[in-house]
């Protein structure tokens, strides 16, 4: 088992999860409470990674990060190297790929909050931010925990998008899933099994924590 690949994967998952917590909460709030008639188009774009093959998403992200795109040229002019096949590019791609796994649970939990409570808060003079911080957020803890856990686990298990935009560069973009693929290709099934069992155990622990916390928050379930 490659500890370098494991540490890089955990680092990537932590960064992506933190970023999507910061980005996803306000975005999910907008999706839940916005009355814009074309909002469903934004929701469809956010949900695209759920149905698109990873290679398709990875291909277009690779084009967007290339030197022929505005983003790629801007990055090249400021850093001196391309955005593709870098850890930074991997973070951007992983954020986009894992976004629905954060935004959708957040939005679902926000939507479940009683509108009567929100109306009462507004009647008492509380602003939107105060209502969000004191009512919506505390009542949406289970959905937020679920979104965080799913984002982390999904990022840890990424393969197609990571391989397309990051390649297989040790210490830069070789994640655990790619390391397992390399071990299988090399015929090292024992080492591949060890790494796969580690991911299996990690996924089980994450899901157990999510279900345990949700059951604690809602004991009648």
N, C-alpha and C. Protein backbone atom coordinates (compact mmCIF):
# COMPACT_ATOMS: atom_id res chain seq x y z
N UNK A 1 0.84 -1.20 0.00
CA UNK A 1 0.00 0.00 0.00
C UNK A 1 0.87 1.25 0.00
N UNK A 2 0.51 2.23 -0.83
CA UNK A 2 1.27 3.47 -0.92
C UNK A 2 0.71 4.47 0.09
N UNK A 3 1.50 4.77 1.11
CA UNK A 3 1.07 5.75 2.11
C UNK A 3 1.04 7.15 1.52
N UNK A 4 1.90 7.41 0.55
CA UNK A 4 1.89 8.72 -0.11
C UNK A 4 0.57 8.95 -0.83
N UNK A 5 0.08 7.91 -1.51
CA UNK A 5 -1.21 8.01 -2.21
C UNK A 5 -2.35 8.19 -1.22
N UNK A 6 -2.28 7.49 -0.08
CA UNK A 6 -3.32 7.61 0.93
C UNK A 6 -3.34 9.01 1.53
N UNK A 7 -2.18 9.54 1.87
CA UNK A 7 -2.12 10.88 2.45
C UNK A 7 -2.59 11.94 1.46
N UNK A 8 -2.21 11.78 0.19
CA UNK A 8 -2.66 12.72 -0.82
C UNK A 8 -4.18 12.67 -0.99
N UNK A 9 -4.74 11.46 -0.95
CA UNK A 9 -6.18 11.30 -1.08
C UNK A 9 -6.92 11.95 0.09
N UNK A 10 -6.42 11.72 1.31
CA UNK A 10 -7.06 12.32 2.48
C UNK A 10 -6.94 13.85 2.45
N UNK A 11 -5.79 14.34 2.00
CA UNK A 11 -5.62 15.79 1.88
C UNK A 11 -6.61 16.36 0.87
N UNK A 12 -6.74 15.69 -0.27
CA UNK A 12 -7.68 16.13 -1.30
C UNK A 12 -9.10 16.11 -0.77
N UNK A 13 -9.49 15.04 -0.08
CA UNK A 13 -10.85 14.91 0.43
C UNK A 13 -11.15 15.98 1.48
N UNK A 14 -10.20 16.29 2.33
CA UNK A 14 -10.41 17.32 3.36
C UNK A 14 -10.58 18.70 2.73
N UNK A 15 -9.75 19.01 1.74
CA UNK A 15 -9.84 20.32 1.08
C UNK A 15 -11.16 20.45 0.33
N UNK A 16 -11.54 19.41 -0.41
CA UNK A 16 -12.77 19.45 -1.19
C UNK A 16 -13.99 19.54 -0.28
N UNK A 17 -13.99 18.77 0.81
CA UNK A 17 -15.11 18.79 1.75
C UNK A 17 -15.26 20.15 2.40
N UNK A 18 -14.14 20.73 2.81
CA UNK A 18 -14.17 22.07 3.42
C UNK A 18 -14.67 23.11 2.43
N UNK A 19 -14.17 23.04 1.20
CA UNK A 19 -14.58 24.00 0.17
C UNK A 19 -16.07 23.88 -0.13
N UNK A 20 -16.57 22.65 -0.22
CA UNK A 20 -17.99 22.47 -0.54
C UNK A 20 -18.89 22.80 0.64
N UNK A 21 -18.36 22.73 1.85
CA UNK A 21 -19.13 23.18 3.00
C UNK A 21 -19.32 24.70 2.93
N UNK A 22 -18.26 25.40 2.55
CA UNK A 22 -18.31 26.86 2.45
C UNK A 22 -19.17 27.29 1.25
N UNK A 23 -18.98 26.61 0.12
CA UNK A 23 -19.72 26.97 -1.10
C UNK A 23 -21.13 26.42 -1.07
N UNK A 24 -21.27 25.19 -0.58
CA UNK A 24 -22.54 24.49 -0.68
C UNK A 24 -23.65 25.02 0.19
N UNK A 25 -23.33 25.50 1.39
CA UNK A 25 -24.38 25.98 2.29
C UNK A 25 -25.13 27.18 1.71
N UNK A 26 -24.45 28.26 1.31
CA UNK A 26 -25.19 29.37 0.71
C UNK A 26 -25.86 29.00 -0.61
N UNK A 27 -25.21 28.13 -1.38
CA UNK A 27 -25.79 27.73 -2.66
C UNK A 27 -27.06 26.91 -2.44
N UNK A 28 -27.01 26.00 -1.46
CA UNK A 28 -28.20 25.19 -1.14
C UNK A 28 -29.31 26.07 -0.58
N UNK A 29 -28.95 27.09 0.17
CA UNK A 29 -29.95 28.03 0.69
C UNK A 29 -30.65 28.74 -0.46
N UNK A 30 -29.85 29.18 -1.45
CA UNK A 30 -30.45 29.86 -2.60
C UNK A 30 -31.37 28.92 -3.37
N UNK A 31 -30.94 27.69 -3.58
CA UNK A 31 -31.75 26.72 -4.31
C UNK A 31 -33.07 26.46 -3.58
N UNK A 32 -33.01 26.41 -2.27
CA UNK A 32 -34.20 26.09 -1.48
C UNK A 32 -35.20 27.24 -1.44
N UNK A 33 -34.71 28.44 -1.28
CA UNK A 33 -35.62 29.56 -1.01
C UNK A 33 -35.78 30.55 -2.16
N UNK A 34 -35.01 30.40 -3.22
CA UNK A 34 -35.14 31.31 -4.34
C UNK A 34 -36.45 31.04 -5.09
N UNK A 35 -37.05 32.10 -5.59
CA UNK A 35 -38.28 31.97 -6.37
C UNK A 35 -38.05 32.22 -7.86
N UNK A 36 -36.81 32.24 -8.27
CA UNK A 36 -36.50 32.44 -9.68
C UNK A 36 -37.07 31.29 -10.50
N UNK A 37 -37.80 31.61 -11.54
CA UNK A 37 -38.54 30.58 -12.29
C UNK A 37 -37.63 29.61 -13.02
N UNK A 38 -36.41 30.03 -13.36
CA UNK A 38 -35.49 29.15 -14.09
C UNK A 38 -34.49 28.45 -13.16
N UNK A 39 -34.80 28.41 -11.89
CA UNK A 39 -33.92 27.80 -10.91
C UNK A 39 -33.64 26.33 -11.22
N UNK A 40 -34.61 25.67 -11.81
CA UNK A 40 -34.46 24.24 -12.09
C UNK A 40 -33.29 23.96 -13.04
N UNK A 41 -32.97 24.93 -13.89
CA UNK A 41 -31.83 24.75 -14.79
C UNK A 41 -30.51 24.71 -14.00
N UNK A 42 -30.40 25.56 -12.99
CA UNK A 42 -29.21 25.55 -12.13
C UNK A 42 -29.13 24.23 -11.37
N UNK A 43 -30.27 23.76 -10.88
CA UNK A 43 -30.30 22.48 -10.16
C UNK A 43 -29.87 21.34 -11.08
N UNK A 44 -30.29 21.39 -12.33
CA UNK A 44 -29.91 20.35 -13.29
C UNK A 44 -28.41 20.36 -13.55
N UNK A 45 -27.82 21.55 -13.65
CA UNK A 45 -26.37 21.65 -13.87
C UNK A 45 -25.61 21.09 -12.68
N UNK A 46 -26.07 21.41 -11.47
CA UNK A 46 -25.42 20.91 -10.27
C UNK A 46 -25.49 19.38 -10.20
N UNK A 47 -26.61 18.82 -10.64
CA UNK A 47 -26.81 17.37 -10.55
C UNK A 47 -26.17 16.59 -11.70
N UNK A 48 -25.65 17.28 -12.71
CA UNK A 48 -25.07 16.59 -13.87
C UNK A 48 -24.03 15.52 -13.52
N UNK A 49 -23.12 15.78 -12.56
CA UNK A 49 -22.12 14.74 -12.24
C UNK A 49 -22.73 13.43 -11.76
N UNK A 50 -23.99 13.45 -11.34
CA UNK A 50 -24.62 12.21 -10.89
C UNK A 50 -24.94 11.27 -12.05
N UNK A 51 -25.14 11.83 -13.24
CA UNK A 51 -25.55 11.02 -14.38
C UNK A 51 -24.50 10.98 -15.49
N UNK A 52 -23.60 11.95 -15.51
CA UNK A 52 -22.57 11.97 -16.55
C UNK A 52 -21.49 10.92 -16.25
N UNK A 53 -21.01 10.20 -17.27
CA UNK A 53 -19.84 9.35 -17.06
C UNK A 53 -18.65 10.20 -16.60
N UNK A 54 -17.88 9.74 -15.63
CA UNK A 54 -16.74 10.53 -15.15
C UNK A 54 -15.77 10.94 -16.25
N UNK A 55 -15.61 10.08 -17.25
CA UNK A 55 -14.69 10.41 -18.33
C UNK A 55 -15.17 11.60 -19.15
N UNK A 56 -16.50 11.73 -19.30
CA UNK A 56 -17.05 12.87 -20.05
C UNK A 56 -16.79 14.16 -19.29
N UNK A 57 -17.13 14.16 -18.01
CA UNK A 57 -16.88 15.34 -17.19
C UNK A 57 -15.38 15.65 -17.14
N UNK A 58 -14.57 14.61 -16.97
CA UNK A 58 -13.12 14.80 -16.92
C UNK A 58 -12.57 15.36 -18.22
N UNK A 59 -13.12 14.93 -19.35
CA UNK A 59 -12.66 15.42 -20.64
C UNK A 59 -12.90 16.91 -20.78
N UNK A 60 -14.11 17.36 -20.43
CA UNK A 60 -14.42 18.78 -20.57
C UNK A 60 -13.68 19.62 -19.54
N UNK A 61 -13.45 19.08 -18.37
CA UNK A 61 -12.63 19.79 -17.39
C UNK A 61 -11.20 19.91 -17.87
N UNK A 62 -10.72 18.86 -18.53
CA UNK A 62 -9.36 18.90 -19.07
C UNK A 62 -9.24 19.98 -20.14
N UNK A 63 -10.26 20.10 -20.99
CA UNK A 63 -10.26 21.16 -22.00
C UNK A 63 -10.31 22.54 -21.34
N UNK A 64 -11.13 22.66 -20.28
CA UNK A 64 -11.26 23.95 -19.60
C UNK A 64 -9.97 24.36 -18.90
N UNK A 65 -9.16 23.39 -18.53
CA UNK A 65 -7.91 23.69 -17.83
C UNK A 65 -6.72 23.79 -18.77
N UNK A 66 -6.93 23.49 -20.04
CA UNK A 66 -5.84 23.52 -21.01
C UNK A 66 -5.42 24.94 -21.36
N UNK A 67 -4.32 25.04 -22.05
CA UNK A 67 -3.77 26.36 -22.39
C UNK A 67 -4.58 27.09 -23.45
N UNK A 68 -5.53 26.41 -24.09
CA UNK A 68 -6.36 27.07 -25.10
C UNK A 68 -7.61 27.72 -24.51
N UNK A 69 -7.87 27.46 -23.22
CA UNK A 69 -9.05 28.04 -22.58
C UNK A 69 -8.65 29.30 -21.81
N UNK A 70 -9.60 30.22 -21.58
CA UNK A 70 -9.29 31.44 -20.81
C UNK A 70 -8.76 31.12 -19.41
N UNK A 71 -9.36 30.12 -18.75
CA UNK A 71 -8.90 29.74 -17.41
C UNK A 71 -7.48 29.20 -17.46
N UNK A 72 -7.23 28.34 -18.44
CA UNK A 72 -5.90 27.75 -18.56
C UNK A 72 -4.84 28.79 -18.88
N UNK A 73 -5.16 29.73 -19.76
CA UNK A 73 -4.20 30.79 -20.10
C UNK A 73 -3.95 31.71 -18.91
N UNK A 74 -5.02 32.03 -18.18
CA UNK A 74 -4.86 32.88 -16.99
C UNK A 74 -3.98 32.21 -15.95
N UNK A 75 -4.22 30.92 -15.72
CA UNK A 75 -3.42 30.19 -14.75
C UNK A 75 -1.97 30.10 -15.19
N UNK A 76 -1.77 29.85 -16.47
CA UNK A 76 -0.41 29.76 -17.02
C UNK A 76 0.34 31.08 -16.86
N UNK A 77 -0.34 32.20 -17.08
CA UNK A 77 0.32 33.50 -17.00
C UNK A 77 0.69 33.86 -15.57
N UNK A 78 -0.01 33.32 -14.59
CA UNK A 78 0.25 33.65 -13.19
C UNK A 78 1.16 32.65 -12.48
N UNK A 79 1.18 31.42 -12.97
CA UNK A 79 1.96 30.39 -12.27
C UNK A 79 3.11 29.84 -13.10
N UNK A 80 3.03 29.98 -14.42
CA UNK A 80 4.08 29.46 -15.28
C UNK A 80 3.90 28.00 -15.66
N UNK A 81 2.81 27.38 -15.23
CA UNK A 81 2.56 25.99 -15.61
C UNK A 81 1.05 25.80 -15.81
N UNK A 82 0.68 24.72 -16.46
CA UNK A 82 -0.73 24.48 -16.74
C UNK A 82 -1.47 24.05 -15.49
N UNK A 83 -2.78 24.22 -15.54
CA UNK A 83 -3.61 23.81 -14.40
C UNK A 83 -3.88 22.31 -14.43
N UNK A 84 -3.95 21.74 -15.61
CA UNK A 84 -4.16 20.30 -15.73
C UNK A 84 -2.94 19.55 -15.21
N UNK A 85 -3.19 18.37 -14.67
CA UNK A 85 -2.14 17.49 -14.14
C UNK A 85 -1.39 18.12 -12.98
N UNK A 86 -2.13 18.90 -12.18
CA UNK A 86 -1.60 19.46 -10.94
C UNK A 86 -2.57 19.15 -9.81
N UNK A 87 -2.10 19.28 -8.58
CA UNK A 87 -2.98 19.05 -7.44
C UNK A 87 -4.09 20.09 -7.39
N UNK A 88 -3.76 21.33 -7.76
CA UNK A 88 -4.77 22.40 -7.76
C UNK A 88 -5.89 22.07 -8.75
N UNK A 89 -5.51 21.58 -9.93
CA UNK A 89 -6.51 21.18 -10.92
C UNK A 89 -7.37 20.04 -10.40
N UNK A 90 -6.72 19.14 -9.67
CA UNK A 90 -7.44 18.02 -9.08
C UNK A 90 -8.48 18.50 -8.08
N UNK A 91 -8.13 19.51 -7.29
CA UNK A 91 -9.06 20.07 -6.31
C UNK A 91 -10.27 20.69 -7.01
N UNK A 92 -10.02 21.49 -8.05
CA UNK A 92 -11.11 22.13 -8.79
C UNK A 92 -12.05 21.08 -9.40
N UNK A 93 -11.46 20.10 -10.06
CA UNK A 93 -12.27 19.05 -10.67
C UNK A 93 -13.06 18.27 -9.64
N UNK A 94 -12.45 17.97 -8.51
CA UNK A 94 -13.13 17.20 -7.46
C UNK A 94 -14.27 18.00 -6.84
N UNK A 95 -14.09 19.31 -6.71
CA UNK A 95 -15.16 20.15 -6.16
C UNK A 95 -16.38 20.09 -7.09
N UNK A 96 -16.16 20.23 -8.38
CA UNK A 96 -17.26 20.20 -9.34
C UNK A 96 -17.91 18.82 -9.39
N UNK A 97 -17.09 17.78 -9.32
CA UNK A 97 -17.59 16.42 -9.42
C UNK A 97 -18.38 16.01 -8.18
N UNK A 98 -17.96 16.50 -7.02
CA UNK A 98 -18.62 16.12 -5.76
C UNK A 98 -19.70 17.10 -5.32
N UNK A 99 -19.90 18.18 -6.06
CA UNK A 99 -20.84 19.21 -5.62
C UNK A 99 -22.25 18.70 -5.33
N UNK A 100 -22.86 17.85 -6.18
CA UNK A 100 -24.22 17.41 -5.85
C UNK A 100 -24.30 16.59 -4.58
N UNK A 101 -23.21 15.94 -4.19
CA UNK A 101 -23.22 15.13 -2.98
C UNK A 101 -23.23 16.00 -1.72
N UNK A 102 -22.90 17.27 -1.87
CA UNK A 102 -22.99 18.22 -0.76
C UNK A 102 -24.24 19.06 -0.86
N UNK A 103 -24.48 19.64 -2.03
CA UNK A 103 -25.56 20.60 -2.18
C UNK A 103 -26.93 19.95 -2.02
N UNK A 104 -27.13 18.79 -2.58
CA UNK A 104 -28.46 18.18 -2.52
C UNK A 104 -28.88 17.79 -1.10
N UNK A 105 -28.01 17.16 -0.28
CA UNK A 105 -28.42 16.91 1.12
C UNK A 105 -28.63 18.20 1.91
N UNK A 106 -27.80 19.20 1.65
CA UNK A 106 -27.98 20.49 2.34
C UNK A 106 -29.35 21.08 1.99
N UNK A 107 -29.66 21.13 0.69
CA UNK A 107 -30.91 21.72 0.24
C UNK A 107 -32.11 20.94 0.76
N UNK A 108 -32.02 19.62 0.77
CA UNK A 108 -33.13 18.80 1.26
C UNK A 108 -33.39 19.05 2.74
N UNK A 109 -32.32 19.22 3.51
CA UNK A 109 -32.50 19.49 4.95
C UNK A 109 -33.07 20.88 5.18
N UNK A 110 -32.65 21.86 4.37
CA UNK A 110 -33.20 23.21 4.50
C UNK A 110 -34.70 23.22 4.16
N UNK A 111 -35.06 22.46 3.13
CA UNK A 111 -36.45 22.43 2.68
C UNK A 111 -37.37 21.76 3.71
N UNK A 112 -36.81 20.94 4.58
CA UNK A 112 -37.63 20.23 5.57
C UNK A 112 -37.95 21.09 6.79
N UNK A 113 -37.29 22.24 6.91
CA UNK A 113 -37.56 23.12 8.04
C UNK A 113 -38.96 23.73 7.89
N UNK A 114 -39.71 23.73 8.98
CA UNK A 114 -41.08 24.22 8.95
C UNK A 114 -41.15 25.69 8.53
N UNK A 115 -42.00 25.96 7.56
CA UNK A 115 -42.18 27.34 7.11
C UNK A 115 -42.83 28.21 8.20
N UNK A 116 -43.59 27.58 9.11
CA UNK A 116 -44.19 28.33 10.20
C UNK A 116 -43.12 28.92 11.11
N UNK A 117 -42.05 28.15 11.35
CA UNK A 117 -40.95 28.66 12.16
C UNK A 117 -40.26 29.83 11.48
N UNK A 118 -40.08 29.73 10.19
CA UNK A 118 -39.44 30.82 9.45
C UNK A 118 -40.31 32.06 9.46
N UNK A 119 -41.62 31.86 9.31
CA UNK A 119 -42.54 33.00 9.34
C UNK A 119 -42.56 33.65 10.71
N UNK A 120 -42.51 32.82 11.76
CA UNK A 120 -42.49 33.37 13.12
C UNK A 120 -41.22 34.16 13.37
N UNK A 121 -40.10 33.66 12.86
CA UNK A 121 -38.84 34.37 13.01
C UNK A 121 -38.88 35.72 12.32
N UNK A 122 -39.47 35.76 11.13
CA UNK A 122 -39.59 37.03 10.40
C UNK A 122 -40.53 37.99 11.12
N UNK A 123 -41.59 37.44 11.71
CA UNK A 123 -42.54 38.28 12.44
C UNK A 123 -41.87 38.94 13.66
N UNK A 124 -40.94 38.22 14.27
CA UNK A 124 -40.24 38.74 15.44
C UNK A 124 -39.10 39.68 15.07
N UNK A 125 -38.93 39.92 13.78
CA UNK A 125 -37.94 40.90 13.34
C UNK A 125 -36.56 40.35 13.03
N UNK A 126 -36.42 39.04 13.01
CA UNK A 126 -35.11 38.46 12.70
C UNK A 126 -34.84 38.54 11.20
N UNK A 127 -33.63 38.90 10.83
CA UNK A 127 -33.25 38.95 9.43
C UNK A 127 -32.96 37.57 8.88
N UNK A 128 -32.65 37.51 7.60
CA UNK A 128 -32.40 36.21 6.96
C UNK A 128 -31.20 35.49 7.54
N UNK A 129 -30.12 36.25 7.79
CA UNK A 129 -28.92 35.60 8.32
C UNK A 129 -29.17 35.07 9.73
N UNK A 130 -29.84 35.86 10.55
CA UNK A 130 -30.12 35.43 11.92
C UNK A 130 -31.05 34.22 11.92
N UNK A 131 -32.04 34.23 11.04
CA UNK A 131 -32.94 33.08 10.93
C UNK A 131 -32.19 31.84 10.48
N UNK A 132 -31.28 32.04 9.52
CA UNK A 132 -30.49 30.90 9.04
C UNK A 132 -29.62 30.34 10.15
N UNK A 133 -28.94 31.22 10.90
CA UNK A 133 -28.00 30.78 11.92
C UNK A 133 -28.69 30.15 13.13
N UNK A 134 -29.87 30.65 13.48
CA UNK A 134 -30.52 30.22 14.72
C UNK A 134 -31.63 29.20 14.53
N UNK A 135 -32.17 29.11 13.32
CA UNK A 135 -33.27 28.17 13.10
C UNK A 135 -32.92 27.13 12.04
N UNK A 136 -32.61 27.62 10.83
CA UNK A 136 -32.41 26.68 9.72
C UNK A 136 -31.20 25.78 9.95
N UNK A 137 -30.08 26.38 10.33
CA UNK A 137 -28.85 25.61 10.49
C UNK A 137 -28.96 24.56 11.60
N UNK A 138 -29.43 24.91 12.80
CA UNK A 138 -29.55 23.88 13.85
C UNK A 138 -30.50 22.75 13.49
N UNK A 139 -31.57 23.07 12.76
CA UNK A 139 -32.55 22.04 12.40
C UNK A 139 -32.13 21.21 11.19
N UNK A 140 -31.00 21.59 10.58
CA UNK A 140 -30.54 20.89 9.37
C UNK A 140 -29.24 20.14 9.61
N UNK A 141 -28.92 19.90 10.88
CA UNK A 141 -27.63 19.29 11.21
C UNK A 141 -27.45 17.92 10.55
N UNK A 142 -28.50 17.11 10.58
CA UNK A 142 -28.37 15.77 10.01
C UNK A 142 -28.08 15.81 8.51
N UNK A 143 -28.76 16.70 7.80
CA UNK A 143 -28.50 16.83 6.36
C UNK A 143 -27.11 17.36 6.07
N UNK A 144 -26.64 18.26 6.90
CA UNK A 144 -25.29 18.82 6.72
C UNK A 144 -24.24 17.74 6.98
N UNK A 145 -24.44 16.96 8.03
CA UNK A 145 -23.51 15.86 8.33
C UNK A 145 -23.50 14.85 7.19
N UNK A 146 -24.69 14.54 6.67
CA UNK A 146 -24.77 13.60 5.55
C UNK A 146 -24.03 14.14 4.33
N UNK A 147 -24.23 15.42 4.02
CA UNK A 147 -23.53 16.02 2.88
C UNK A 147 -22.02 16.01 3.04
N UNK A 148 -21.55 16.31 4.24
CA UNK A 148 -20.11 16.31 4.51
C UNK A 148 -19.54 14.91 4.34
N UNK A 149 -20.23 13.94 4.92
CA UNK A 149 -19.73 12.55 4.85
C UNK A 149 -19.74 12.02 3.42
N UNK A 150 -20.82 12.28 2.68
CA UNK A 150 -20.89 11.80 1.30
C UNK A 150 -19.83 12.47 0.43
N UNK A 151 -19.60 13.76 0.65
CA UNK A 151 -18.58 14.47 -0.12
C UNK A 151 -17.21 13.89 0.14
N UNK A 152 -16.89 13.68 1.41
CA UNK A 152 -15.59 13.12 1.77
C UNK A 152 -15.40 11.73 1.17
N UNK A 153 -16.40 10.86 1.37
CA UNK A 153 -16.29 9.49 0.87
C UNK A 153 -16.23 9.45 -0.65
N UNK A 154 -17.02 10.29 -1.31
CA UNK A 154 -17.03 10.32 -2.76
C UNK A 154 -15.69 10.79 -3.31
N UNK A 155 -15.10 11.78 -2.67
CA UNK A 155 -13.79 12.28 -3.12
C UNK A 155 -12.71 11.23 -2.93
N UNK A 156 -12.77 10.52 -1.82
CA UNK A 156 -11.79 9.46 -1.57
C UNK A 156 -11.86 8.39 -2.65
N UNK A 157 -13.05 8.09 -3.12
CA UNK A 157 -13.22 7.01 -4.09
C UNK A 157 -13.18 7.43 -5.55
N UNK A 158 -12.90 8.70 -5.85
CA UNK A 158 -12.87 9.16 -7.24
C UNK A 158 -11.81 8.40 -8.05
N UNK A 159 -12.15 8.18 -9.33
CA UNK A 159 -11.18 7.52 -10.22
C UNK A 159 -11.15 8.17 -11.59
N UNK A 160 -12.29 8.14 -12.30
CA UNK A 160 -12.31 8.59 -13.68
C UNK A 160 -11.92 10.04 -13.87
N UNK A 161 -12.56 10.94 -13.11
CA UNK A 161 -12.25 12.36 -13.23
C UNK A 161 -10.82 12.65 -12.81
N UNK A 162 -10.39 12.01 -11.73
CA UNK A 162 -9.02 12.21 -11.23
C UNK A 162 -8.00 11.79 -12.28
N UNK A 163 -8.24 10.66 -12.91
CA UNK A 163 -7.30 10.15 -13.92
C UNK A 163 -7.28 11.05 -15.15
N UNK A 164 -8.43 11.59 -15.53
CA UNK A 164 -8.51 12.42 -16.73
C UNK A 164 -7.81 13.76 -16.56
N UNK A 165 -8.01 14.41 -15.42
CA UNK A 165 -7.46 15.76 -15.26
C UNK A 165 -6.17 15.79 -14.45
N UNK A 166 -5.89 14.71 -13.73
CA UNK A 166 -4.68 14.69 -12.91
C UNK A 166 -3.61 13.72 -13.39
N UNK A 167 -4.02 12.77 -14.21
CA UNK A 167 -3.07 11.77 -14.65
C UNK A 167 -2.72 10.81 -13.52
N UNK A 168 -1.50 10.33 -13.56
CA UNK A 168 -1.04 9.37 -12.56
C UNK A 168 0.37 9.75 -12.13
N UNK A 169 0.47 10.91 -11.48
CA UNK A 169 1.76 11.46 -11.10
C UNK A 169 1.97 11.24 -9.61
N UNK A 170 2.98 10.45 -9.21
CA UNK A 170 3.22 10.19 -7.78
C UNK A 170 3.43 11.49 -7.00
N UNK A 171 2.73 11.60 -5.88
CA UNK A 171 2.88 12.77 -5.03
C UNK A 171 2.10 13.98 -5.49
N UNK A 172 1.50 13.91 -6.67
CA UNK A 172 0.75 15.05 -7.22
C UNK A 172 -0.70 14.68 -7.47
N UNK A 173 -0.92 13.57 -8.15
CA UNK A 173 -2.29 13.21 -8.52
C UNK A 173 -2.58 11.72 -8.40
N UNK A 174 -1.63 10.94 -7.90
CA UNK A 174 -1.90 9.50 -7.74
C UNK A 174 -2.64 9.28 -6.43
N UNK A 175 -3.94 9.11 -6.53
CA UNK A 175 -4.77 8.87 -5.36
C UNK A 175 -4.84 7.37 -5.06
N UNK A 176 -5.54 7.02 -4.00
CA UNK A 176 -5.64 5.62 -3.60
C UNK A 176 -6.33 4.78 -4.66
N UNK A 177 -7.38 5.30 -5.26
CA UNK A 177 -8.11 4.53 -6.27
C UNK A 177 -7.23 4.24 -7.48
N UNK A 178 -6.42 5.21 -7.88
CA UNK A 178 -5.50 5.00 -8.99
C UNK A 178 -4.39 4.03 -8.59
N UNK A 179 -3.96 4.11 -7.34
CA UNK A 179 -2.94 3.20 -6.85
C UNK A 179 -3.44 1.75 -6.88
N UNK A 180 -4.71 1.55 -6.53
CA UNK A 180 -5.29 0.20 -6.61
C UNK A 180 -5.29 -0.29 -8.05
N UNK A 181 -5.67 0.58 -8.97
CA UNK A 181 -5.69 0.22 -10.39
C UNK A 181 -4.28 -0.17 -10.87
N UNK A 182 -3.28 0.61 -10.47
CA UNK A 182 -1.90 0.30 -10.85
C UNK A 182 -1.45 -1.05 -10.30
N UNK A 183 -1.83 -1.33 -9.05
CA UNK A 183 -1.43 -2.60 -8.43
C UNK A 183 -2.08 -3.78 -9.14
N UNK A 184 -3.33 -3.63 -9.53
CA UNK A 184 -4.01 -4.71 -10.25
C UNK A 184 -3.38 -4.91 -11.62
N UNK A 185 -3.06 -3.81 -12.30
CA UNK A 185 -2.41 -3.91 -13.61
C UNK A 185 -1.06 -4.59 -13.52
N UNK A 186 -0.38 -4.39 -12.38
CA UNK A 186 0.94 -5.01 -12.19
C UNK A 186 0.84 -6.43 -11.65
N UNK A 187 -0.37 -6.90 -11.40
CA UNK A 187 -0.56 -8.25 -10.89
C UNK A 187 -0.31 -8.39 -9.41
N UNK A 188 -0.22 -7.29 -8.69
CA UNK A 188 0.02 -7.33 -7.24
C UNK A 188 -1.33 -7.32 -6.51
N UNK A 189 -2.01 -8.44 -6.57
CA UNK A 189 -3.37 -8.50 -6.04
C UNK A 189 -3.40 -8.43 -4.52
N UNK A 190 -2.35 -8.93 -3.86
CA UNK A 190 -2.31 -8.87 -2.41
C UNK A 190 -2.27 -7.44 -1.91
N UNK A 191 -1.39 -6.63 -2.50
CA UNK A 191 -1.28 -5.23 -2.11
C UNK A 191 -2.54 -4.46 -2.48
N UNK A 192 -3.12 -4.79 -3.65
CA UNK A 192 -4.35 -4.13 -4.07
C UNK A 192 -5.48 -4.46 -3.10
N UNK A 193 -5.51 -5.72 -2.62
CA UNK A 193 -6.54 -6.13 -1.68
C UNK A 193 -6.41 -5.38 -0.35
N UNK A 194 -5.19 -5.18 0.12
CA UNK A 194 -4.98 -4.44 1.36
C UNK A 194 -5.50 -3.01 1.26
N UNK A 195 -5.18 -2.35 0.16
CA UNK A 195 -5.63 -0.97 -0.03
C UNK A 195 -7.14 -0.91 -0.20
N UNK A 196 -7.69 -1.86 -0.95
CA UNK A 196 -9.14 -1.89 -1.16
C UNK A 196 -9.88 -2.14 0.15
N UNK A 197 -9.34 -3.02 1.00
CA UNK A 197 -9.96 -3.27 2.30
C UNK A 197 -9.92 -2.03 3.19
N UNK A 198 -8.84 -1.27 3.07
CA UNK A 198 -8.75 -0.02 3.84
C UNK A 198 -9.85 0.95 3.42
N UNK A 199 -10.05 1.10 2.11
CA UNK A 199 -11.12 1.97 1.61
C UNK A 199 -12.49 1.45 2.01
N UNK A 200 -12.65 0.14 1.97
CA UNK A 200 -13.92 -0.47 2.38
C UNK A 200 -14.21 -0.16 3.84
N UNK A 201 -13.19 -0.32 4.69
CA UNK A 201 -13.37 -0.05 6.12
C UNK A 201 -13.66 1.43 6.36
N UNK A 202 -12.95 2.30 5.64
CA UNK A 202 -13.16 3.74 5.79
C UNK A 202 -14.57 4.14 5.39
N UNK A 203 -15.06 3.59 4.28
CA UNK A 203 -16.41 3.88 3.82
C UNK A 203 -17.45 3.39 4.82
N UNK A 204 -17.22 2.21 5.37
CA UNK A 204 -18.15 1.65 6.36
C UNK A 204 -18.20 2.52 7.61
N UNK A 205 -17.04 2.97 8.07
CA UNK A 205 -16.99 3.82 9.27
C UNK A 205 -17.72 5.14 9.03
N UNK A 206 -17.49 5.75 7.88
CA UNK A 206 -18.14 7.02 7.56
C UNK A 206 -19.66 6.87 7.53
N UNK A 207 -20.14 5.84 6.85
CA UNK A 207 -21.58 5.62 6.77
C UNK A 207 -22.18 5.27 8.13
N UNK A 208 -21.45 4.53 8.94
CA UNK A 208 -21.92 4.19 10.28
C UNK A 208 -22.06 5.43 11.14
N UNK A 209 -21.10 6.34 11.03
CA UNK A 209 -21.16 7.60 11.77
C UNK A 209 -22.37 8.42 11.34
N UNK A 210 -22.59 8.50 10.02
CA UNK A 210 -23.73 9.26 9.49
C UNK A 210 -25.04 8.70 10.01
N UNK A 211 -25.24 7.38 9.88
CA UNK A 211 -26.49 6.78 10.32
C UNK A 211 -26.64 6.86 11.84
N UNK A 212 -25.53 6.72 12.55
CA UNK A 212 -25.58 6.81 14.00
C UNK A 212 -25.98 8.19 14.47
N UNK A 213 -25.40 9.22 13.88
CA UNK A 213 -25.73 10.59 14.24
C UNK A 213 -27.16 10.94 13.86
N UNK A 214 -27.59 10.47 12.70
CA UNK A 214 -28.98 10.73 12.28
C UNK A 214 -29.97 10.04 13.22
N UNK A 215 -29.64 8.83 13.65
CA UNK A 215 -30.55 8.13 14.58
C UNK A 215 -30.58 8.83 15.94
N UNK A 216 -29.43 9.37 16.34
CA UNK A 216 -29.38 10.08 17.62
C UNK A 216 -30.19 11.37 17.55
N UNK A 217 -30.11 12.04 16.38
CA UNK A 217 -30.87 13.29 16.23
C UNK A 217 -32.37 13.03 16.11
N UNK A 218 -32.73 11.87 15.50
CA UNK A 218 -34.14 11.54 15.32
C UNK A 218 -34.39 10.14 15.91
N UNK A 219 -34.49 10.05 17.25
CA UNK A 219 -34.57 8.74 17.92
C UNK A 219 -35.81 7.94 17.58
N UNK A 220 -36.86 8.59 17.04
CA UNK A 220 -38.08 7.86 16.72
C UNK A 220 -37.97 7.08 15.42
N UNK A 221 -36.84 7.28 14.67
CA UNK A 221 -36.70 6.56 13.40
C UNK A 221 -36.29 5.13 13.65
